[in-house]
Amino acid sequence: MVFKAYAIGIDKENMTTTVAVKMVKSNSDSFHTRALLSELKIMMHIGKSLNIVNLLGACTVDMANSNKYFENYS
């Protein structure tokens, strides 16, 4: 699942920055969880780029309850 959201304090010129929050559905199986974490690792490895959506951050605190997400911005 991907949601449009707003991050505060990312860009010094603007108060808010539009971001995409990508999550695994709460009823998803471990395959989808591993796929999301694999994508996160790739994005961390690539780093910031002008040609792709960049990784802003990730939250994996509540992984036991399948609440995993990360944020992207362009």
PDB file of N, CA and C in Angstrom:
ATOM      1  N   MET A   1       0.856  -1.170   0.000  1.00  0.00           N
ATOM      2  CA  MET A   1       0.000   0.000   0.000  1.00  0.00           C
ATOM      3  C   MET A   1       0.901   1.232   0.000  1.00  0.00           C
ATOM      4  N   VAL A   2       0.506   2.236  -0.744  1.00  0.00           N
ATOM      5  CA  VAL A   2       1.255   3.484  -0.798  1.00  0.00           C
ATOM      6  C   VAL A   2       0.281   4.624  -0.509  1.00  0.00           C
ATOM      7  N   PHE A   3       0.694   5.507   0.390  1.00  0.00           N
ATOM      8  CA  PHE A   3      -0.128   6.652   0.773  1.00  0.00           C
ATOM      9  C   PHE A   3       0.620   7.948   0.516  1.00  0.00           C
ATOM     10  N   LYS A   4      -0.088   8.972   0.141  1.00  0.00           N
ATOM     11  CA  LYS A   4       0.472  10.309   0.039  1.00  0.00           C
ATOM     12  C   LYS A   4       0.428  10.926   1.427  1.00  0.00           C
ATOM     13  N   ALA A   5       1.548  11.541   1.839  1.00  0.00           N
ATOM     14  CA  ALA A   5       1.624  12.169   3.164  1.00  0.00           C
ATOM     15  C   ALA A   5       2.500  13.413   3.059  1.00  0.00           C
ATOM     16  N   TYR A   6       2.645  14.097   4.180  1.00  0.00           N
ATOM     17  CA  TYR A   6       3.447  15.316   4.230  1.00  0.00           C
ATOM     18  C   TYR A   6       4.424  15.232   5.396  1.00  0.00           C
ATOM     19  N   ALA A   7       5.692  15.506   5.106  1.00  0.00           N
ATOM     20  CA  ALA A   7       6.727  15.506   6.140  1.00  0.00           C
ATOM     21  C   ALA A   7       7.059  16.957   6.461  1.00  0.00           C
ATOM     22  N   ILE A   8       7.259  17.228   7.724  1.00  0.00           N
ATOM     23  CA  ILE A   8       7.556  18.581   8.185  1.00  0.00           C
ATOM     24  C   ILE A   8       9.047  18.691   8.499  1.00  0.00           C
ATOM     25  N   GLY A   9       9.678  19.779   8.032  1.00  0.00           N
ATOM     26  CA  GLY A   9      11.068  20.058   8.374  1.00  0.00           C
ATOM     27  C   GLY A   9      12.106  19.374   7.503  1.00  0.00           C
ATOM     28  N   ILE A  10      11.717  18.827   6.358  1.00  0.00           N
ATOM     29  CA  ILE A  10      12.671  18.166   5.473  1.00  0.00           C
ATOM     30  C   ILE A  10      13.378  19.185   4.592  1.00  0.00           C
ATOM     31  N   ASP A  11      12.616  20.064   4.010  1.00  0.00           N
ATOM     32  CA  ASP A  11      13.138  21.080   3.098  1.00  0.00           C
ATOM     33  C   ASP A  11      13.085  22.431   3.786  1.00  0.00           C
ATOM     34  N   LYS A  12      14.218  23.128   3.824  1.00  0.00           N
ATOM     35  CA  LYS A  12      14.271  24.414   4.533  1.00  0.00           C
ATOM     36  C   LYS A  12      13.479  25.510   3.817  1.00  0.00           C
ATOM     37  N   GLU A  13      13.240  25.347   2.508  1.00  0.00           N
ATOM     38  CA  GLU A  13      12.488  26.348   1.756  1.00  0.00           C
ATOM     39  C   GLU A  13      10.979  26.211   1.942  1.00  0.00           C
ATOM     40  N   ASN A  14      10.508  25.004   2.231  1.00  0.00           N
ATOM     41  CA  ASN A  14       9.078  24.750   2.368  1.00  0.00           C
ATOM     42  C   ASN A  14       8.788  24.183   3.756  1.00  0.00           C
ATOM     43  N   MET A  15       7.634  24.503   4.290  1.00  0.00           N
ATOM     44  CA  MET A  15       7.242  23.966   5.603  1.00  0.00           C
ATOM     45  C   MET A  15       7.017  22.459   5.533  1.00  0.00           C
ATOM     46  N   THR A  16       6.355  22.002   4.461  1.00  0.00           N
ATOM     47  CA  THR A  16       6.058  20.574   4.332  1.00  0.00           C
ATOM     48  C   THR A  16       6.578  20.051   2.999  1.00  0.00           C
ATOM     49  N   THR A  17       6.880  18.770   2.970  1.00  0.00           N
ATOM     50  CA  THR A  17       7.328  18.088   1.762  1.00  0.00           C
ATOM     51  C   THR A  17       6.379  16.929   1.500  1.00  0.00           C
ATOM     52  N   THR A  18       5.904  16.817   0.270  1.00  0.00           N
ATOM     53  CA  THR A  18       5.042  15.697  -0.085  1.00  0.00           C
ATOM     54  C   THR A  18       5.887  14.431  -0.163  1.00  0.00           C
ATOM     55  N   VAL A  19       5.413  13.383   0.487  1.00  0.00           N
ATOM     56  CA  VAL A  19       6.132  12.105   0.511  1.00  0.00           C
ATOM     57  C   VAL A  19       5.168  10.970   0.190  1.00  0.00           C
ATOM     58  N   ALA A  20       5.722   9.835  -0.172  1.00  0.00           N
ATOM     59  CA  ALA A  20       4.951   8.609  -0.367  1.00  0.00           C
ATOM     60  C   ALA A  20       5.326   7.657   0.757  1.00  0.00           C
ATOM     61  N   VAL A  21       4.343   7.154   1.465  1.00  0.00           N
ATOM     62  CA  VAL A  21       4.582   6.197   2.548  1.00  0.00           C
ATOM     63  C   VAL A  21       4.148   4.831   2.038  1.00  0.00           C
ATOM     64  N   LYS A  22       5.091   3.907   1.993  1.00  0.00           N
ATOM     65  CA  LYS A  22       4.824   2.568   1.474  1.00  0.00           C
ATOM     66  C   LYS A  22       4.751   1.609   2.649  1.00  0.00           C
ATOM     67  N   MET A  23       3.680   0.820   2.687  1.00  0.00           N
ATOM     68  CA  MET A  23       3.445  -0.092   3.801  1.00  0.00           C
ATOM     69  C   MET A  23       3.061  -1.482   3.281  1.00  0.00           C
ATOM     70  N   VAL A  24       3.246  -2.470   4.149  1.00  0.00           N
ATOM     71  CA  VAL A  24       2.733  -3.807   3.876  1.00  0.00           C
ATOM     72  C   VAL A  24       1.391  -3.897   4.583  1.00  0.00           C
ATOM     73  N   LYS A  25       0.412  -4.480   3.924  1.00  0.00           N
ATOM     74  CA  LYS A  25      -0.894  -4.651   4.560  1.00  0.00           C
ATOM     75  C   LYS A  25      -0.748  -5.502   5.815  1.00  0.00           C
ATOM     76  N   SER A  26      -1.562  -5.235   6.810  1.00  0.00           N
ATOM     77  CA  SER A  26      -1.454  -5.936   8.086  1.00  0.00           C
ATOM     78  C   SER A  26      -1.721  -7.434   7.959  1.00  0.00           C
ATOM     79  N   ASN A  27      -2.488  -7.843   6.952  1.00  0.00           N
ATOM     80  CA  ASN A  27      -2.788  -9.261   6.786  1.00  0.00           C
ATOM     81  C   ASN A  27      -1.890  -9.928   5.737  1.00  0.00           C
ATOM     82  N   SER A  28      -0.798  -9.258   5.331  1.00  0.00           N
ATOM     83  CA  SER A  28       0.077  -9.825   4.308  1.00  0.00           C
ATOM     84  C   SER A  28       0.966 -10.925   4.887  1.00  0.00           C
ATOM     85  N   ASP A  29       1.442 -11.773   4.009  1.00  0.00           N
ATOM     86  CA  ASP A  29       2.303 -12.866   4.455  1.00  0.00           C
ATOM     87  C   ASP A  29       3.767 -12.426   4.491  1.00  0.00           C
ATOM     88  N   SER A  30       4.635 -13.324   4.917  1.00  0.00           N
ATOM     89  CA  SER A  30       6.045 -12.984   5.080  1.00  0.00           C
ATOM     90  C   SER A  30       6.724 -12.690   3.746  1.00  0.00           C
ATOM     91  N   PHE A  31       6.199 -13.223   2.643  1.00  0.00           N
ATOM     92  CA  PHE A  31       6.772 -12.935   1.331  1.00  0.00           C
ATOM     93  C   PHE A  31       6.721 -11.440   1.043  1.00  0.00           C
ATOM     94  N   HIS A  32       5.569 -10.809   1.286  1.00  0.00           N
ATOM     95  CA  HIS A  32       5.423  -9.375   1.020  1.00  0.00           C
ATOM     96  C   HIS A  32       6.280  -8.546   1.975  1.00  0.00           C
ATOM     97  N   THR A  33       6.402  -8.983   3.196  1.00  0.00           N
ATOM     98  CA  THR A  33       7.252  -8.287   4.162  1.00  0.00           C
ATOM     99  C   THR A  33       8.704  -8.339   3.713  1.00  0.00           C
ATOM    100  N   ARG A  34       9.160  -9.517   3.302  1.00  0.00           N
ATOM    101  CA  ARG A  34      10.548  -9.648   2.839  1.00  0.00           C
ATOM    102  C   ARG A  34      10.777  -8.837   1.570  1.00  0.00           C
ATOM    103  N   ALA A  35       9.793  -8.767   0.690  1.00  0.00           N
ATOM    104  CA  ALA A  35       9.918  -7.977  -0.535  1.00  0.00           C
ATOM    105  C   ALA A  35      10.070  -6.494  -0.213  1.00  0.00           C
ATOM    106  N   LEU A  36       9.294  -5.992   0.733  1.00  0.00           N
ATOM    107  CA  LEU A  36       9.403  -4.584   1.122  1.00  0.00           C
ATOM    108  C   LEU A  36      10.759  -4.313   1.756  1.00  0.00           C
ATOM    109  N   LEU A  37      11.224  -5.190   2.622  1.00  0.00           N
ATOM    110  CA  LEU A  37      12.525  -4.999   3.259  1.00  0.00           C
ATOM    111  C   LEU A  37      13.650  -5.100   2.243  1.00  0.00           C
ATOM    112  N   SER A  38      13.510  -5.947   1.244  1.00  0.00           N
ATOM    113  CA  SER A  38      14.505  -6.050   0.183  1.00  0.00           C
ATOM    114  C   SER A  38      14.572  -4.746  -0.611  1.00  0.00           C
ATOM    115  N   GLU A  39      13.413  -4.183  -0.920  1.00  0.00           N
ATOM    116  CA  GLU A  39      13.360  -2.897  -1.622  1.00  0.00           C
ATOM    117  C   GLU A  39      14.013  -1.806  -0.782  1.00  0.00           C
ATOM    118  N   LEU A  40      13.782  -1.828   0.506  1.00  0.00           N
ATOM    119  CA  LEU A  40      14.390  -0.856   1.412  1.00  0.00           C
ATOM    120  C   LEU A  40      15.914  -0.965   1.375  1.00  0.00           C
ATOM    121  N   LYS A  41      16.442  -2.173   1.422  1.00  0.00           N
ATOM    122  CA  LYS A  41      17.895  -2.376   1.376  1.00  0.00           C
ATOM    123  C   LYS A  41      18.485  -1.844   0.076  1.00  0.00           C
ATOM    124  N   ILE A  42      17.802  -2.090  -1.033  1.00  0.00           N
ATOM    125  CA  ILE A  42      18.283  -1.597  -2.329  1.00  0.00           C
ATOM    126  C   ILE A  42      18.314  -0.076  -2.334  1.00  0.00           C
ATOM    127  N   MET A  43      17.248   0.537  -1.842  1.00  0.00           N
ATOM    128  CA  MET A  43      17.179   1.998  -1.822  1.00  0.00           C
ATOM    129  C   MET A  43      18.249   2.591  -0.913  1.00  0.00           C
ATOM    130  N   MET A  44      18.553   1.924   0.195  1.00  0.00           N
ATOM    131  CA  MET A  44      19.620   2.386   1.082  1.00  0.00           C
ATOM    132  C   MET A  44      20.969   2.303   0.369  1.00  0.00           C
ATOM    133  N   HIS A  45      21.172   1.256  -0.392  1.00  0.00           N
ATOM    134  CA  HIS A  45      22.428   1.057  -1.107  1.00  0.00           C
ATOM    135  C   HIS A  45      22.605   2.092  -2.220  1.00  0.00           C
ATOM    136  N   ILE A  46      21.533   2.393  -2.952  1.00  0.00           N
ATOM    137  CA  ILE A  46      21.592   3.343  -4.061  1.00  0.00           C
ATOM    138  C   ILE A  46      21.903   4.743  -3.561  1.00  0.00           C
ATOM    139  N   GLY A  47      21.289   5.134  -2.466  1.00  0.00           N
ATOM    140  CA  GLY A  47      21.494   6.482  -1.952  1.00  0.00           C
ATOM    141  C   GLY A  47      20.676   7.507  -2.724  1.00  0.00           C
ATOM    142  N   LYS A  48      21.004   8.773  -2.547  1.00  0.00           N
ATOM    143  CA  LYS A  48      20.244   9.856  -3.169  1.00  0.00           C
ATOM    144  C   LYS A  48      20.568   9.945  -4.656  1.00  0.00           C
ATOM    145  N   SER A  49      19.538  10.121  -5.463  1.00  0.00           N
ATOM    146  CA  SER A  49      19.693  10.212  -6.909  1.00  0.00           C
ATOM    147  C   SER A  49      18.674  11.194  -7.467  1.00  0.00           C
ATOM    148  N   LEU A  50      19.043  11.879  -8.517  1.00  0.00           N
ATOM    149  CA  LEU A  50      18.109  12.790  -9.187  1.00  0.00           C
ATOM    150  C   LEU A  50      17.145  12.037 -10.093  1.00  0.00           C
ATOM    151  N   ASN A  51      17.450  10.769 -10.416  1.00  0.00           N
ATOM    152  CA  ASN A  51      16.670  10.028 -11.400  1.00  0.00           C
ATOM    153  C   ASN A  51      15.634   9.078 -10.811  1.00  0.00           C
ATOM    154  N   ILE A  52      15.629   8.903  -9.494  1.00  0.00           N
ATOM    155  CA  ILE A  52      14.665   7.999  -8.860  1.00  0.00           C
ATOM    156  C   ILE A  52      14.071   8.654  -7.628  1.00  0.00           C
ATOM    157  N   VAL A  53      13.000   8.082  -7.133  1.00  0.00           N
ATOM    158  CA  VAL A  53      12.420   8.540  -5.870  1.00  0.00           C
ATOM    159  C   VAL A  53      13.393   8.144  -4.769  1.00  0.00           C
ATOM    160  N   ASN A  54      13.714   9.067  -3.898  1.00  0.00           N
ATOM    161  CA  ASN A  54      14.728   8.843  -2.873  1.00  0.00           C
ATOM    162  C   ASN A  54      14.126   8.388  -1.553  1.00  0.00           C
ATOM    163  N   LEU A  55      14.917   7.644  -0.813  1.00  0.00           N
ATOM    164  CA  LEU A  55      14.507   7.153   0.502  1.00  0.00           C
ATOM    165  C   LEU A  55      14.664   8.259   1.521  1.00  0.00           C
ATOM    166  N   LEU A  56      13.611   8.503   2.265  1.00  0.00           N
ATOM    167  CA  LEU A  56      13.640   9.500   3.329  1.00  0.00           C
ATOM    168  C   LEU A  56      13.936   8.820   4.664  1.00  0.00           C
ATOM    169  N   GLY A  57      13.279   7.714   4.935  1.00  0.00           N
ATOM    170  CA  GLY A  57      13.484   7.006   6.188  1.00  0.00           C
ATOM    171  C   GLY A  57      12.663   5.743   6.224  1.00  0.00           C
ATOM    172  N   ALA A  58      12.875   4.973   7.281  1.00  0.00           N
ATOM    173  CA  ALA A  58      12.144   3.716   7.436  1.00  0.00           C
ATOM    174  C   ALA A  58      11.822   3.504   8.898  1.00  0.00           C
ATOM    175  N   CYS A  59      10.709   2.853   9.147  1.00  0.00           N
ATOM    176  CA  CYS A  59      10.312   2.513  10.507  1.00  0.00           C
ATOM    177  C   CYS A  59       9.986   1.023  10.534  1.00  0.00           C
ATOM    178  N   THR A  60      10.782   0.272  11.277  1.00  0.00           N
ATOM    179  CA  THR A  60      10.576  -1.168  11.386  1.00  0.00           C
ATOM    180  C   THR A  60      10.433  -1.572  12.847  1.00  0.00           C
ATOM    181  N   VAL A  61      10.041  -0.641  13.695  1.00  0.00           N
ATOM    182  CA  VAL A  61       9.942  -0.868  15.131  1.00  0.00           C
ATOM    183  C   VAL A  61       8.924  -1.947  15.465  1.00  0.00           C
ATOM    184  N   ASP A  62       7.786  -1.922  14.806  1.00  0.00           N
ATOM    185  CA  ASP A  62       6.679  -2.822  15.153  1.00  0.00           C
ATOM    186  C   ASP A  62       6.576  -3.973  14.151  1.00  0.00           C
ATOM    187  N   MET A  63       7.704  -4.575  13.799  1.00  0.00           N
ATOM    188  CA  MET A  63       7.704  -5.625  12.785  1.00  0.00           C
ATOM    189  C   MET A  63       6.921  -6.860  13.214  1.00  0.00           C
ATOM    190  N   ALA A  64       6.856  -7.142  14.484  1.00  0.00           N
ATOM    191  CA  ALA A  64       6.129  -8.320  14.967  1.00  0.00           C
ATOM    192  C   ALA A  64       4.644  -8.223  14.645  1.00  0.00           C
ATOM    193  N   ASN A  65       4.119  -6.996  14.559  1.00  0.00           N
ATOM    194  CA  ASN A  65       2.702  -6.790  14.266  1.00  0.00           C
ATOM    195  C   ASN A  65       2.461  -6.412  12.812  1.00  0.00           C
ATOM    196  N   SER A  66       3.461  -6.629  11.955  1.00  0.00           N
ATOM    197  CA  SER A  66       3.359  -6.345  10.516  1.00  0.00           C
ATOM    198  C   SER A  66       3.081  -4.889  10.218  1.00  0.00           C
ATOM    199  N   ASN A  67       3.564  -3.993  11.047  1.00  0.00           N
ATOM    200  CA  ASN A  67       3.436  -2.569  10.771  1.00  0.00           C
ATOM    201  C   ASN A  67       4.785  -2.051  10.311  1.00  0.00           C
ATOM    202  N   LYS A  68       5.078  -2.248   9.021  1.00  0.00           N
ATOM    203  CA  LYS A  68       6.345  -1.833   8.467  1.00  0.00           C
ATOM    204  C   LYS A  68       6.070  -0.826   7.357  1.00  0.00           C
ATOM    205  N   TYR A  69       6.840   0.239   7.310  1.00  0.00           N
ATOM    206  CA  TYR A  69       6.662   1.212   6.259  1.00  0.00           C
ATOM    207  C   TYR A  69       7.933   2.006   6.065  1.00  0.00           C
ATOM    208  N   PHE A  70       8.056   2.623   4.923  1.00  0.00           N
ATOM    209  CA  PHE A  70       9.106   3.589   4.724  1.00  0.00           C
ATOM    210  C   PHE A  70       8.602   4.700   3.850  1.00  0.00           C
ATOM    211  N   GLU A  71       9.293   5.834   3.910  1.00  0.00           N
ATOM    212  CA  GLU A  71       8.845   7.030   3.213  1.00  0.00           C
ATOM    213  C   GLU A  71       9.805   7.363   2.088  1.00  0.00           C
ATOM    214  N   ASN A  72       9.276   7.834   0.997  1.00  0.00           N
ATOM    215  CA  ASN A  72      10.057   8.251  -0.156  1.00  0.00           C
ATOM    216  C   ASN A  72       9.698   9.685  -0.496  1.00  0.00           C
ATOM    217  N   TYR A  73      10.629  10.375  -1.069  1.00  0.00           N
ATOM    218  CA  TYR A  73      10.321  11.693  -1.597  1.00  0.00           C
ATOM    219  C   TYR A  73      11.099  11.901  -2.869  1.00  0.00           C
ATOM    220  N   SER A  74      10.675  12.832  -3.680  1.00  0.00           N
ATOM    221  CA  SER A  74      11.382  13.056  -4.948  1.00  0.00           C
ATOM    222  C   SER A  74      12.159  14.343  -4.891  1.00  0.00           C
TER     223      SER A  74
END
